[in-house]
Amino acid sequence: MSKLYRYYQRGRHPRGFWGGRVLTAMNSKAHAAMPEWALAELKVNPGDHVLDMGCGGGANIERIFTKCPECMVRGIDLSKKSLEYTTELNYRAVKDGQCFVIGGSATQLPLAKDSYEIVMAFETIYYWPTIEMGFSEALRVLKPGGTFIIGNELDGEGQQYRDMEKAIGGIRIYTIEEIEQQLEELGFIDIKSRHHEQEHFICVMAKKPNDA
């Protein structure tokens, strides 16, 4: 099995030595291009509350603080190893009370309704039982008018991704069209998508209606 296959297989729930290696890779420059490209068009205002669903190694939380040092961020992940890495990488923000890291599932968020201006899901929807479950939770915890942003390195287009799903097991690699359809069915509005011109990166942003 290739390194890419092993990376996504172990990325489901990083633990132990190899989990640490995966999280280190997640935080490396090699995996910085997609989130930096996706976050370039996201507006974060001082005082905004941001949720990172499946925070992994914590690099995307760090990027949010680079965009807006005055915001508040919560990271959630099932992996204790991920929580350790996220806390260490964002130690100053955690110490200052701007970053909170908790264990939990993206499809059953232990969080209150209408709590966040922004919800992020980067390189994580592959592992959810269904995207409907995770997207429904994102919609629930977003404040009316809030933004949901999804970023993936894999666009799901082509037989190679179906082969990858079979080889790894337990993952699903979605196309932009599949993501858009599910968001629309759940009631998200202002759905906007981008597909990187040279890479397989995709980014989808959507809003929670003001009257929801």
N, C-alpha and C. Protein backbone atom coordinates (compact mmCIF):
# COMPACT_ATOMS: atom_id res chain seq x y z
N MET A 1 0.85 -1.20 0.00
CA MET A 1 0.00 0.00 0.00
C MET A 1 0.88 1.25 0.00
N SER A 2 0.53 2.26 -0.78
CA SER A 2 1.34 3.46 -0.93
C SER A 2 1.30 4.31 0.33
N LYS A 3 2.22 5.27 0.41
CA LYS A 3 2.26 6.19 1.54
C LYS A 3 0.96 6.98 1.64
N LEU A 4 0.39 7.37 0.49
CA LEU A 4 -0.85 8.14 0.49
C LEU A 4 -1.98 7.32 1.11
N TYR A 5 -2.06 6.04 0.74
CA TYR A 5 -3.10 5.18 1.29
C TYR A 5 -2.93 5.03 2.79
N ARG A 6 -1.70 4.81 3.24
CA ARG A 6 -1.44 4.65 4.67
C ARG A 6 -1.77 5.93 5.43
N TYR A 7 -1.46 7.07 4.80
CA TYR A 7 -1.74 8.36 5.43
C TYR A 7 -3.22 8.52 5.74
N TYR A 8 -4.08 8.24 4.76
CA TYR A 8 -5.52 8.41 4.97
C TYR A 8 -6.10 7.31 5.86
N GLN A 9 -5.51 6.13 5.80
CA GLN A 9 -5.97 5.05 6.67
C GLN A 9 -5.71 5.40 8.14
N ARG A 10 -4.52 5.90 8.42
CA ARG A 10 -4.15 6.26 9.79
C ARG A 10 -4.75 7.60 10.21
N GLY A 11 -5.14 8.41 9.24
CA GLY A 11 -5.70 9.72 9.55
C GLY A 11 -7.10 9.67 10.14
N ARG A 12 -7.75 8.51 10.05
CA ARG A 12 -9.10 8.37 10.58
C ARG A 12 -9.12 8.62 12.09
N HIS A 13 -8.16 8.07 12.80
CA HIS A 13 -8.10 8.23 14.25
C HIS A 13 -6.64 8.08 14.68
N PRO A 14 -5.84 9.14 14.53
CA PRO A 14 -4.42 9.05 14.84
C PRO A 14 -4.18 8.64 16.29
N ARG A 15 -3.28 7.67 16.47
CA ARG A 15 -2.94 7.22 17.82
C ARG A 15 -1.54 6.61 17.78
N GLY A 16 -0.89 6.61 18.93
CA GLY A 16 0.42 5.98 19.04
C GLY A 16 1.47 6.66 18.19
N PHE A 17 2.55 5.92 17.97
CA PHE A 17 3.69 6.46 17.22
C PHE A 17 3.30 6.88 15.81
N TRP A 18 2.62 5.99 15.08
CA TRP A 18 2.29 6.30 13.70
C TRP A 18 1.23 7.39 13.59
N GLY A 19 0.36 7.46 14.59
CA GLY A 19 -0.59 8.57 14.63
C GLY A 19 0.12 9.89 14.76
N GLY A 20 1.17 9.91 15.60
CA GLY A 20 1.97 11.13 15.74
C GLY A 20 2.64 11.52 14.44
N ARG A 21 3.11 10.51 13.70
CA ARG A 21 3.75 10.79 12.40
C ARG A 21 2.74 11.39 11.42
N VAL A 22 1.52 10.88 11.44
CA VAL A 22 0.48 11.41 10.55
C VAL A 22 0.16 12.85 10.92
N LEU A 23 0.03 13.14 12.21
CA LEU A 23 -0.29 14.50 12.64
C LEU A 23 0.85 15.46 12.32
N THR A 24 2.08 14.99 12.45
CA THR A 24 3.23 15.83 12.06
C THR A 24 3.16 16.15 10.57
N ALA A 25 2.79 15.14 9.77
CA ALA A 25 2.64 15.36 8.33
C ALA A 25 1.52 16.34 8.03
N MET A 26 0.40 16.22 8.77
CA MET A 26 -0.72 17.14 8.58
C MET A 26 -0.29 18.59 8.81
N ASN A 27 0.60 18.79 9.76
CA ASN A 27 1.04 20.14 10.12
C ASN A 27 2.22 20.63 9.29
N SER A 28 2.71 19.81 8.38
CA SER A 28 3.90 20.16 7.62
C SER A 28 3.57 21.03 6.41
N LYS A 29 4.61 21.59 5.80
CA LYS A 29 4.44 22.41 4.61
C LYS A 29 3.84 21.62 3.45
N ALA A 30 4.09 20.32 3.43
CA ALA A 30 3.58 19.49 2.34
C ALA A 30 2.06 19.50 2.27
N HIS A 31 1.40 19.74 3.41
CA HIS A 31 -0.06 19.77 3.43
C HIS A 31 -0.60 21.16 3.72
N ALA A 32 0.22 22.17 3.51
CA ALA A 32 -0.22 23.54 3.78
C ALA A 32 -0.93 24.19 2.60
N ALA A 33 -0.64 23.72 1.41
CA ALA A 33 -1.13 24.41 0.20
C ALA A 33 -2.66 24.47 0.15
N MET A 34 -3.33 23.35 0.39
CA MET A 34 -4.79 23.34 0.28
C MET A 34 -5.46 24.26 1.29
N PRO A 35 -5.18 24.11 2.60
CA PRO A 35 -5.88 25.00 3.55
C PRO A 35 -5.55 26.46 3.36
N GLU A 36 -4.32 26.79 2.99
CA GLU A 36 -3.97 28.18 2.75
C GLU A 36 -4.73 28.73 1.55
N TRP A 37 -4.86 27.92 0.51
CA TRP A 37 -5.64 28.31 -0.67
C TRP A 37 -7.11 28.47 -0.31
N ALA A 38 -7.66 27.52 0.45
CA ALA A 38 -9.08 27.57 0.81
C ALA A 38 -9.40 28.72 1.75
N LEU A 39 -8.53 28.97 2.71
CA LEU A 39 -8.79 30.01 3.70
C LEU A 39 -8.56 31.43 3.17
N ALA A 40 -7.92 31.55 2.02
CA ALA A 40 -7.59 32.87 1.49
C ALA A 40 -8.84 33.72 1.28
N GLU A 41 -9.98 33.10 0.96
CA GLU A 41 -11.21 33.85 0.69
C GLU A 41 -12.17 33.87 1.86
N LEU A 42 -11.74 33.32 3.00
CA LEU A 42 -12.60 33.33 4.19
C LEU A 42 -12.35 34.59 5.01
N LYS A 43 -13.41 35.32 5.33
CA LYS A 43 -13.29 36.51 6.15
C LYS A 43 -13.57 36.16 7.60
N VAL A 44 -12.62 36.51 8.48
CA VAL A 44 -12.76 36.28 9.91
C VAL A 44 -12.67 37.62 10.62
N ASN A 45 -13.66 37.95 11.41
CA ASN A 45 -13.70 39.24 12.09
C ASN A 45 -13.30 39.10 13.56
N PRO A 46 -12.75 40.16 14.13
CA PRO A 46 -12.44 40.14 15.56
C PRO A 46 -13.68 39.77 16.38
N GLY A 47 -13.50 38.88 17.31
CA GLY A 47 -14.62 38.45 18.14
C GLY A 47 -15.40 37.27 17.60
N ASP A 48 -15.15 36.89 16.35
CA ASP A 48 -15.84 35.73 15.79
C ASP A 48 -15.49 34.46 16.56
N HIS A 49 -16.48 33.59 16.69
CA HIS A 49 -16.26 32.26 17.27
C HIS A 49 -16.17 31.26 16.11
N VAL A 50 -15.07 30.53 16.08
CA VAL A 50 -14.78 29.61 14.98
C VAL A 50 -14.68 28.19 15.54
N LEU A 51 -15.30 27.24 14.84
CA LEU A 51 -15.21 25.84 15.22
C LEU A 51 -14.48 25.07 14.14
N ASP A 52 -13.48 24.29 14.54
CA ASP A 52 -12.75 23.41 13.62
C ASP A 52 -13.19 21.97 13.89
N MET A 53 -14.01 21.41 13.00
CA MET A 53 -14.49 20.04 13.14
C MET A 53 -13.41 19.08 12.63
N GLY A 54 -12.88 18.24 13.52
CA GLY A 54 -11.80 17.36 13.13
C GLY A 54 -10.52 18.16 13.04
N CYS A 55 -10.06 18.71 14.16
CA CYS A 55 -8.96 19.69 14.14
C CYS A 55 -7.59 19.07 13.85
N GLY A 56 -7.48 17.73 13.88
CA GLY A 56 -6.22 17.10 13.52
C GLY A 56 -5.06 17.59 14.35
N GLY A 57 -3.99 18.04 13.67
CA GLY A 57 -2.81 18.51 14.37
C GLY A 57 -2.87 19.96 14.82
N GLY A 58 -3.94 20.67 14.48
CA GLY A 58 -4.12 22.03 14.95
C GLY A 58 -3.59 23.12 14.05
N ALA A 59 -3.05 22.76 12.88
CA ALA A 59 -2.44 23.76 12.00
C ALA A 59 -3.47 24.75 11.45
N ASN A 60 -4.69 24.29 11.20
CA ASN A 60 -5.70 25.20 10.65
C ASN A 60 -6.20 26.18 11.71
N ILE A 61 -6.19 25.77 12.95
CA ILE A 61 -6.51 26.71 14.03
C ILE A 61 -5.44 27.79 14.09
N GLU A 62 -4.20 27.38 13.97
CA GLU A 62 -3.10 28.35 13.94
C GLU A 62 -3.26 29.32 12.78
N ARG A 63 -3.70 28.83 11.63
CA ARG A 63 -3.90 29.68 10.46
C ARG A 63 -5.03 30.69 10.70
N ILE A 64 -6.07 30.26 11.39
CA ILE A 64 -7.16 31.18 11.70
C ILE A 64 -6.67 32.31 12.59
N PHE A 65 -5.85 32.00 13.57
CA PHE A 65 -5.32 33.04 14.45
C PHE A 65 -4.37 33.98 13.68
N THR A 66 -3.71 33.46 12.67
CA THR A 66 -2.87 34.32 11.83
C THR A 66 -3.73 35.31 11.05
N LYS A 67 -4.89 34.85 10.57
CA LYS A 67 -5.82 35.73 9.85
C LYS A 67 -6.46 36.74 10.77
N CYS A 68 -6.79 36.30 11.99
CA CYS A 68 -7.50 37.17 12.93
C CYS A 68 -7.11 36.81 14.37
N PRO A 69 -6.10 37.48 14.92
CA PRO A 69 -5.66 37.16 16.28
C PRO A 69 -6.71 37.42 17.35
N GLU A 70 -7.75 38.18 17.03
CA GLU A 70 -8.74 38.56 18.04
C GLU A 70 -9.98 37.66 18.05
N CYS A 71 -9.93 36.53 17.34
CA CYS A 71 -11.10 35.65 17.33
C CYS A 71 -10.99 34.59 18.42
N MET A 72 -12.03 33.79 18.55
CA MET A 72 -12.08 32.69 19.51
C MET A 72 -12.26 31.39 18.72
N VAL A 73 -11.48 30.37 19.04
CA VAL A 73 -11.53 29.13 18.26
C VAL A 73 -11.69 27.92 19.17
N ARG A 74 -12.56 27.01 18.75
CA ARG A 74 -12.69 25.73 19.44
C ARG A 74 -12.37 24.63 18.44
N GLY A 75 -11.53 23.70 18.85
CA GLY A 75 -11.21 22.53 18.04
C GLY A 75 -11.80 21.29 18.65
N ILE A 76 -12.33 20.39 17.81
CA ILE A 76 -12.89 19.14 18.31
C ILE A 76 -12.37 17.99 17.47
N ASP A 77 -12.04 16.89 18.13
CA ASP A 77 -11.54 15.71 17.43
C ASP A 77 -11.76 14.48 18.31
N LEU A 78 -11.94 13.34 17.67
CA LEU A 78 -12.10 12.08 18.40
C LEU A 78 -10.78 11.56 18.96
N SER A 79 -9.69 11.94 18.30
CA SER A 79 -8.37 11.41 18.65
C SER A 79 -7.72 12.20 19.78
N LYS A 80 -7.36 11.51 20.86
CA LYS A 80 -6.65 12.17 21.96
C LYS A 80 -5.30 12.69 21.49
N LYS A 81 -4.68 11.95 20.57
CA LYS A 81 -3.39 12.38 20.03
C LYS A 81 -3.54 13.71 19.29
N SER A 82 -4.62 13.85 18.55
CA SER A 82 -4.88 15.10 17.84
C SER A 82 -5.07 16.25 18.81
N LEU A 83 -5.78 16.01 19.88
CA LEU A 83 -6.01 17.05 20.87
C LEU A 83 -4.70 17.49 21.51
N GLU A 84 -3.81 16.55 21.75
CA GLU A 84 -2.50 16.88 22.31
C GLU A 84 -1.70 17.75 21.35
N TYR A 85 -1.68 17.38 20.08
CA TYR A 85 -0.93 18.14 19.09
C TYR A 85 -1.52 19.53 18.90
N THR A 86 -2.85 19.61 18.85
CA THR A 86 -3.50 20.90 18.67
C THR A 86 -3.21 21.83 19.84
N THR A 87 -3.27 21.30 21.04
CA THR A 87 -3.00 22.10 22.23
C THR A 87 -1.57 22.59 22.26
N GLU A 88 -0.65 21.72 21.91
CA GLU A 88 0.77 22.11 21.92
C GLU A 88 1.06 23.18 20.86
N LEU A 89 0.50 23.00 19.66
CA LEU A 89 0.77 23.95 18.58
C LEU A 89 0.17 25.31 18.87
N ASN A 90 -0.97 25.33 19.55
CA ASN A 90 -1.67 26.59 19.84
C ASN A 90 -1.61 26.91 21.33
N TYR A 91 -0.49 26.59 21.94
CA TYR A 91 -0.35 26.70 23.39
C TYR A 91 -0.66 28.10 23.90
N ARG A 92 -0.15 29.11 23.24
CA ARG A 92 -0.36 30.48 23.71
C ARG A 92 -1.84 30.85 23.70
N ALA A 93 -2.53 30.51 22.61
CA ALA A 93 -3.95 30.83 22.52
C ALA A 93 -4.76 30.04 23.54
N VAL A 94 -4.36 28.79 23.79
CA VAL A 94 -5.04 27.99 24.81
C VAL A 94 -4.84 28.61 26.19
N LYS A 95 -3.60 29.00 26.46
CA LYS A 95 -3.27 29.60 27.75
C LYS A 95 -4.02 30.92 27.96
N ASP A 96 -4.18 31.67 26.86
CA ASP A 96 -4.85 32.97 26.95
C ASP A 96 -6.38 32.87 26.92
N GLY A 97 -6.90 31.66 26.78
CA GLY A 97 -8.35 31.48 26.78
C GLY A 97 -9.03 31.78 25.47
N GLN A 98 -8.25 31.84 24.38
CA GLN A 98 -8.84 32.08 23.06
C GLN A 98 -9.09 30.79 22.29
N CYS A 99 -8.45 29.72 22.71
CA CYS A 99 -8.58 28.43 22.03
C CYS A 99 -8.96 27.36 23.04
N PHE A 100 -10.00 26.61 22.71
CA PHE A 100 -10.46 25.52 23.56
C PHE A 100 -10.48 24.24 22.71
N VAL A 101 -9.94 23.18 23.24
CA VAL A 101 -9.82 21.93 22.51
C VAL A 101 -10.56 20.84 23.28
N ILE A 102 -11.48 20.15 22.61
CA ILE A 102 -12.29 19.14 23.29
C ILE A 102 -12.38 17.87 22.45
N GLY A 103 -12.62 16.76 23.13
CA GLY A 103 -12.86 15.50 22.44
C GLY A 103 -14.32 15.36 22.07
N GLY A 104 -14.56 14.76 20.92
CA GLY A 104 -15.95 14.58 20.50
C GLY A 104 -16.05 14.29 19.02
N SER A 105 -17.25 13.92 18.60
CA SER A 105 -17.51 13.55 17.22
C SER A 105 -18.10 14.70 16.43
N ALA A 106 -17.66 14.84 15.19
CA ALA A 106 -18.19 15.88 14.31
C ALA A 106 -19.65 15.63 13.98
N THR A 107 -20.10 14.39 14.08
CA THR A 107 -21.48 14.07 13.74
C THR A 107 -22.42 14.09 14.96
N GLN A 108 -21.85 14.34 16.14
CA GLN A 108 -22.64 14.51 17.36
C GLN A 108 -21.95 15.55 18.24
N LEU A 109 -21.96 16.78 17.80
CA LEU A 109 -21.21 17.83 18.48
C LEU A 109 -21.79 18.12 19.86
N PRO A 110 -20.95 18.10 20.90
CA PRO A 110 -21.43 18.43 22.24
C PRO A 110 -21.43 19.94 22.47
N LEU A 111 -22.09 20.65 21.55
CA LEU A 111 -22.05 22.10 21.54
C LEU A 111 -23.45 22.67 21.34
N ALA A 112 -23.63 23.90 21.80
CA ALA A 112 -24.95 24.53 21.76
C ALA A 112 -25.30 25.01 20.35
N LYS A 113 -26.57 25.10 20.10
CA LYS A 113 -27.10 25.64 18.85
C LYS A 113 -26.74 27.11 18.72
N ASP A 114 -26.53 27.56 17.47
CA ASP A 114 -26.34 28.98 17.15
C ASP A 114 -25.17 29.59 17.94
N SER A 115 -24.02 28.94 17.90
CA SER A 115 -22.88 29.38 18.72
C SER A 115 -21.69 29.94 17.94
N TYR A 116 -21.60 29.67 16.63
CA TYR A 116 -20.38 29.99 15.89
C TYR A 116 -20.67 30.79 14.62
N GLU A 117 -19.81 31.77 14.38
CA GLU A 117 -19.89 32.51 13.11
C GLU A 117 -19.30 31.71 11.96
N ILE A 118 -18.33 30.85 12.27
CA ILE A 118 -17.65 30.07 11.23
C ILE A 118 -17.46 28.63 11.73
N VAL A 119 -17.76 27.67 10.87
CA VAL A 119 -17.43 26.27 11.13
C VAL A 119 -16.58 25.76 9.97
N MET A 120 -15.46 25.11 10.31
CA MET A 120 -14.53 24.59 9.30
C MET A 120 -14.53 23.07 9.34
N ALA A 121 -14.38 22.45 8.17
CA ALA A 121 -14.20 21.00 8.07
C ALA A 121 -13.18 20.75 6.97
N PHE A 122 -11.92 20.60 7.36
CA PHE A 122 -10.84 20.41 6.39
C PHE A 122 -10.29 18.99 6.48
N GLU A 123 -10.28 18.32 5.36
CA GLU A 123 -9.70 16.98 5.26
C GLU A 123 -10.29 16.03 6.30
N THR A 124 -11.57 16.14 6.54
CA THR A 124 -12.18 15.31 7.58
C THR A 124 -13.46 14.63 7.15
N ILE A 125 -14.18 15.18 6.17
CA ILE A 125 -15.48 14.59 5.82
C ILE A 125 -15.32 13.20 5.21
N TYR A 126 -14.12 12.86 4.74
CA TYR A 126 -13.87 11.51 4.22
C TYR A 126 -14.26 10.43 5.23
N TYR A 127 -14.08 10.74 6.52
CA TYR A 127 -14.20 9.74 7.57
C TYR A 127 -15.56 9.70 8.25
N TRP A 128 -16.44 10.63 7.94
CA TRP A 128 -17.75 10.67 8.59
C TRP A 128 -18.62 9.53 8.10
N PRO A 129 -19.50 9.00 8.96
CA PRO A 129 -20.43 7.95 8.50
C PRO A 129 -21.24 8.41 7.29
N THR A 130 -21.73 9.66 7.34
CA THR A 130 -22.37 10.31 6.19
C THR A 130 -22.12 11.80 6.30
N ILE A 131 -22.05 12.48 5.17
CA ILE A 131 -21.87 13.93 5.24
C ILE A 131 -23.15 14.61 5.72
N GLU A 132 -24.29 13.98 5.54
CA GLU A 132 -25.54 14.57 6.03
C GLU A 132 -25.47 14.78 7.54
N MET A 133 -24.93 13.81 8.26
CA MET A 133 -24.85 13.90 9.71
C MET A 133 -23.95 15.06 10.14
N GLY A 134 -22.76 15.16 9.52
CA GLY A 134 -21.84 16.23 9.88
C GLY A 134 -22.32 17.60 9.45
N PHE A 135 -22.89 17.68 8.25
CA PHE A 135 -23.39 18.96 7.76
C PHE A 135 -24.58 19.45 8.60
N SER A 136 -25.42 18.52 9.04
CA SER A 136 -26.56 18.88 9.88
C SER A 136 -26.08 19.48 11.20
N GLU A 137 -25.02 18.91 11.76
CA GLU A 137 -24.47 19.43 13.00
C GLU A 137 -23.83 20.80 12.79
N ALA A 138 -23.14 20.97 11.67
CA ALA A 138 -22.56 22.27 11.36
C ALA A 138 -23.66 23.33 11.26
N LEU A 139 -24.75 22.99 10.59
CA LEU A 139 -25.88 23.91 10.45
C LEU A 139 -26.47 24.25 11.82
N ARG A 140 -26.58 23.27 12.67
CA ARG A 140 -27.18 23.49 13.99
C ARG A 140 -26.34 24.45 14.84
N VAL A 141 -25.03 24.28 14.87
CA VAL A 141 -24.20 25.09 15.77
C VAL A 141 -23.82 26.44 15.18
N LEU A 142 -24.01 26.61 13.87
CA LEU A 142 -23.75 27.92 13.27
C LEU A 142 -24.78 28.95 13.72
N LYS A 143 -24.35 30.18 13.90
CA LYS A 143 -25.28 31.28 14.11
C LYS A 143 -25.97 31.60 12.79
N PRO A 144 -27.19 32.12 12.81
CA PRO A 144 -27.82 32.56 11.57
C PRO A 144 -26.91 33.51 10.81
N GLY A 145 -26.73 33.24 9.52
CA GLY A 145 -25.82 34.03 8.70
C GLY A 145 -24.38 33.55 8.74
N GLY A 146 -24.10 32.52 9.56
CA GLY A 146 -22.73 32.02 9.69
C GLY A 146 -22.28 31.24 8.49
N THR A 147 -20.97 31.03 8.40
CA THR A 147 -20.34 30.39 7.25
C THR A 147 -19.81 29.01 7.58
N PHE A 148 -20.08 28.07 6.70
CA PHE A 148 -19.53 26.72 6.77
C PHE A 148 -18.55 26.58 5.61
N ILE A 149 -17.29 26.19 5.91
CA ILE A 149 -16.28 26.03 4.88
C ILE A 149 -15.71 24.62 4.92
N ILE A 150 -15.66 23.99 3.76
CA ILE A 150 -15.15 22.62 3.62
C ILE A 150 -13.97 22.67 2.67
N GLY A 151 -12.86 22.03 3.05
CA GLY A 151 -11.70 21.97 2.19
C GLY A 151 -11.15 20.56 2.12
N ASN A 152 -10.93 20.05 0.90
CA ASN A 152 -10.38 18.71 0.69
C ASN A 152 -9.23 18.77 -0.30
N GLU A 153 -8.23 17.92 -0.09
CA GLU A 153 -7.14 17.79 -1.06
C GLU A 153 -7.54 16.90 -2.23
N LEU A 154 -8.58 16.08 -2.05
CA LEU A 154 -9.01 15.12 -3.07
C LEU A 154 -10.39 15.50 -3.57
N ASP A 155 -10.53 15.58 -4.90
CA ASP A 155 -11.79 16.08 -5.47
C ASP A 155 -12.81 14.99 -5.80
N GLY A 156 -12.44 13.73 -5.62
CA GLY A 156 -13.39 12.64 -5.83
C GLY A 156 -13.72 12.32 -7.26
N GLU A 157 -13.04 12.95 -8.21
CA GLU A 157 -13.35 12.76 -9.62
C GLU A 157 -12.41 11.73 -10.24
N GLY A 158 -12.96 10.62 -10.67
CA GLY A 158 -12.14 9.61 -11.32
C GLY A 158 -12.14 8.27 -10.59
N GLN A 159 -11.86 7.22 -11.35
CA GLN A 159 -11.88 5.86 -10.82
C GLN A 159 -10.82 5.64 -9.74
N GLN A 160 -9.73 6.42 -9.80
CA GLN A 160 -8.67 6.22 -8.80
C GLN A 160 -9.19 6.43 -7.38
N TYR A 161 -10.19 7.29 -7.23
CA TYR A 161 -10.72 7.54 -5.89
C TYR A 161 -11.65 6.41 -5.43
N ARG A 162 -12.37 5.80 -6.37
CA ARG A 162 -13.17 4.63 -6.00
C ARG A 162 -12.25 3.48 -5.59
N ASP A 163 -11.13 3.33 -6.31
CA ASP A 163 -10.16 2.30 -5.95
C ASP A 163 -9.54 2.58 -4.59
N MET A 164 -9.29 3.84 -4.32
CA MET A 164 -8.71 4.24 -3.04
C MET A 164 -9.68 3.94 -1.89
N GLU A 165 -10.95 4.23 -2.10
CA GLU A 165 -11.96 3.94 -1.08
C GLU A 165 -12.00 2.46 -0.74
N LYS A 166 -11.94 1.61 -1.77
CA LYS A 166 -11.97 0.16 -1.55
C LYS A 166 -10.71 -0.31 -0.83
N ALA A 167 -9.57 0.24 -1.21
CA ALA A 167 -8.30 -0.21 -0.63
C ALA A 167 -8.18 0.18 0.84
N ILE A 168 -8.65 1.38 1.19
CA ILE A 168 -8.52 1.86 2.56
C ILE A 168 -9.66 1.35 3.42
N GLY A 169 -10.87 1.43 2.92
CA GLY A 169 -12.04 0.99 3.66
C GLY A 169 -12.50 2.04 4.66
N GLY A 170 -13.80 2.27 4.70
CA GLY A 170 -14.36 3.19 5.69
C GLY A 170 -14.22 4.65 5.36
N ILE A 171 -13.84 5.00 4.14
CA ILE A 171 -13.77 6.40 3.77
C ILE A 171 -14.63 6.63 2.52
N ARG A 172 -14.99 7.88 2.31
CA ARG A 172 -15.76 8.28 1.12
C ARG A 172 -15.21 9.61 0.64
N ILE A 173 -14.80 9.65 -0.63
CA ILE A 173 -14.20 10.85 -1.20
C ILE A 173 -15.25 11.52 -2.10
N TYR A 174 -15.71 12.68 -1.68
CA TYR A 174 -16.85 13.33 -2.33
C TYR A 174 -16.43 14.33 -3.41
N THR A 175 -17.27 14.46 -4.41
CA THR A 175 -17.09 15.48 -5.43
C THR A 175 -17.73 16.79 -4.96
N ILE A 176 -17.38 17.87 -5.62
CA ILE A 176 -18.01 19.15 -5.33
C ILE A 176 -19.52 19.05 -5.48
N GLU A 177 -19.97 18.38 -6.53
CA GLU A 177 -21.42 18.29 -6.80
C GLU A 177 -22.14 17.56 -5.68
N GLU A 178 -21.53 16.51 -5.14
CA GLU A 178 -22.16 15.77 -4.04
C GLU A 178 -22.24 16.62 -2.78
N ILE A 179 -21.19 17.37 -2.52
CA ILE A 179 -21.18 18.26 -1.35
C ILE A 179 -22.23 19.35 -1.50
N GLU A 180 -22.26 19.97 -2.67
CA GLU A 180 -23.24 21.03 -2.91
C GLU A 180 -24.66 20.53 -2.76
N GLN A 181 -24.95 19.36 -3.31
CA GLN A 181 -26.31 18.80 -3.25
C GLN A 181 -26.75 18.59 -1.81
N GLN A 182 -25.85 18.03 -0.98
CA GLN A 182 -26.21 17.78 0.41
C GLN A 182 -26.42 19.08 1.18
N LEU A 183 -25.57 20.06 0.95
CA LEU A 183 -25.72 21.36 1.60
C LEU A 183 -27.06 22.00 1.23
N GLU A 184 -27.40 21.94 -0.05
CA GLU A 184 -28.65 22.54 -0.51
C GLU A 184 -29.86 21.82 0.09
N GLU A 185 -29.81 20.50 0.17
CA GLU A 185 -30.92 19.73 0.72
C GLU A 185 -31.16 20.04 2.20
N LEU A 186 -30.09 20.38 2.91
CA LEU A 186 -30.21 20.69 4.33
C LEU A 186 -30.64 22.13 4.60
N GLY A 187 -30.62 22.96 3.56
CA GLY A 187 -31.09 24.32 3.73
C GLY A 187 -30.01 25.39 3.75
N PHE A 188 -28.76 25.03 3.51
CA PHE A 188 -27.72 26.05 3.38
C PHE A 188 -28.00 26.91 2.15
N ILE A 189 -27.53 28.15 2.19
CA ILE A 189 -27.71 29.06 1.06
C ILE A 189 -26.36 29.65 0.65
N ASP A 190 -26.36 30.42 -0.44
CA ASP A 190 -25.14 31.09 -0.94
C ASP A 190 -23.99 30.11 -1.05
N ILE A 191 -24.23 28.96 -1.65
CA ILE A 191 -23.21 27.92 -1.79
C ILE A 191 -22.26 28.30 -2.92
N LYS A 192 -20.98 28.39 -2.58
CA LYS A 192 -19.96 28.77 -3.55
C LYS A 192 -18.81 27.77 -3.51
N SER A 193 -18.40 27.32 -4.68
CA SER A 193 -17.37 26.29 -4.76
C SER A 193 -16.20 26.73 -5.63
N ARG A 194 -15.03 26.21 -5.28
CA ARG A 194 -13.83 26.45 -6.08
C ARG A 194 -13.10 25.13 -6.28
N HIS A 195 -12.49 25.00 -7.45
CA HIS A 195 -11.68 23.83 -7.79
C HIS A 195 -10.32 24.35 -8.25
N HIS A 196 -9.26 23.97 -7.57
CA HIS A 196 -7.94 24.49 -7.88
C HIS A 196 -7.58 24.20 -9.33
N GLU A 197 -6.95 25.15 -9.98
CA GLU A 197 -6.65 25.02 -11.40
C GLU A 197 -5.59 23.96 -11.70
N GLN A 198 -4.63 23.77 -10.79
CA GLN A 198 -3.56 22.80 -11.03
C GLN A 198 -3.66 21.54 -10.18
N GLU A 199 -4.22 21.66 -9.00
CA GLU A 199 -4.30 20.53 -8.07
C GLU A 199 -5.72 19.98 -8.01
N HIS A 200 -5.90 18.93 -7.21
CA HIS A 200 -7.22 18.33 -7.03
C HIS A 200 -7.98 18.96 -5.87
N PHE A 201 -7.48 20.07 -5.35
CA PHE A 201 -8.09 20.72 -4.19
C PHE A 201 -9.49 21.23 -4.52
N ILE A 202 -10.38 21.10 -3.52
CA ILE A 202 -11.70 21.71 -3.65
C ILE A 202 -12.03 22.47 -2.36
N CYS A 203 -12.83 23.50 -2.51
CA CYS A 203 -13.30 24.28 -1.37
C CYS A 203 -14.76 24.65 -1.63
N VAL A 204 -15.60 24.42 -0.63
CA VAL A 204 -17.02 24.77 -0.73
C VAL A 204 -17.37 25.60 0.49
N MET A 205 -18.01 26.75 0.27
CA MET A 205 -18.48 27.59 1.36
C MET A 205 -19.98 27.79 1.22
N ALA A 206 -20.68 27.81 2.37
CA ALA A 206 -22.12 27.99 2.37
C ALA A 206 -22.54 28.75 3.62
N LYS A 207 -23.73 29.33 3.57
CA LYS A 207 -24.23 30.13 4.69
C LYS A 207 -25.46 29.48 5.33
N LYS A 208 -25.60 29.70 6.61
CA LYS A 208 -26.84 29.35 7.31
C LYS A 208 -27.81 30.52 7.12
N PRO A 209 -29.04 30.26 6.70
CA PRO A 209 -29.99 31.36 6.49
C PRO A 209 -30.19 32.19 7.75
N ASN A 210 -30.41 33.47 7.58
CA ASN A 210 -30.61 34.38 8.72
C ASN A 210 -31.87 34.04 9.51
N ASP A 211 -32.83 33.42 8.85
CA ASP A 211 -34.09 33.12 9.52
C ASP A 211 -34.16 31.68 10.01
N ALA A 212 -33.03 30.97 9.97
CA ALA A 212 -33.02 29.55 10.38
C ALA A 212 -32.97 29.42 11.89
